[in-house]
């Protein structure tokens, strides 16, 4: 059946004091199940809106129809929509432009090439220029190594080219 919404929020809900006492089976109390399902629904909806804002309507829909059109990947995007886009990207404290650059740097530093492509797209949509992103990647080469950044630059070249064609 997969992960149920109430399981994903197990740690996020305010639980009764005796929740972790010996003998308790650690299931979410029935009184909180409805709250958990409602919270997941709200996070999922916020996540869908954020994902479309970051990627663009057309790109998000295209990836839904190609990458996420089978049951296995649908489960993945549902969890990512709720937890990453719904809970992390919507947090206060950092603007979307800064969050996008953090993702680009993280992906480049860890050689997460497919994710880097997505996050470069998001960063461009949040106002980073091609030159600024290239400079950030070049700067990173001194800290994580030239081979990693070479791969990141090849990904950037491809993504920037695709985005120019979409205009």
Foldseek 3Di string as FASTA:
>chain_A
DDDDQQNVCLPVDDADPCLPPPPHPNDGDPVCPVVSVVLQVQLLVQLVVQLCLQQPVVVVVVCCVPVVVDPVSVSVVSCCSRPVRRPPCPDPDDDQLVVLLVQLLVCLLVVVLVSNLSSLSSNVSVPDDLVNSLVVLVVCCVPRHDVSSVSSVVSSVVSVVVVVVVD
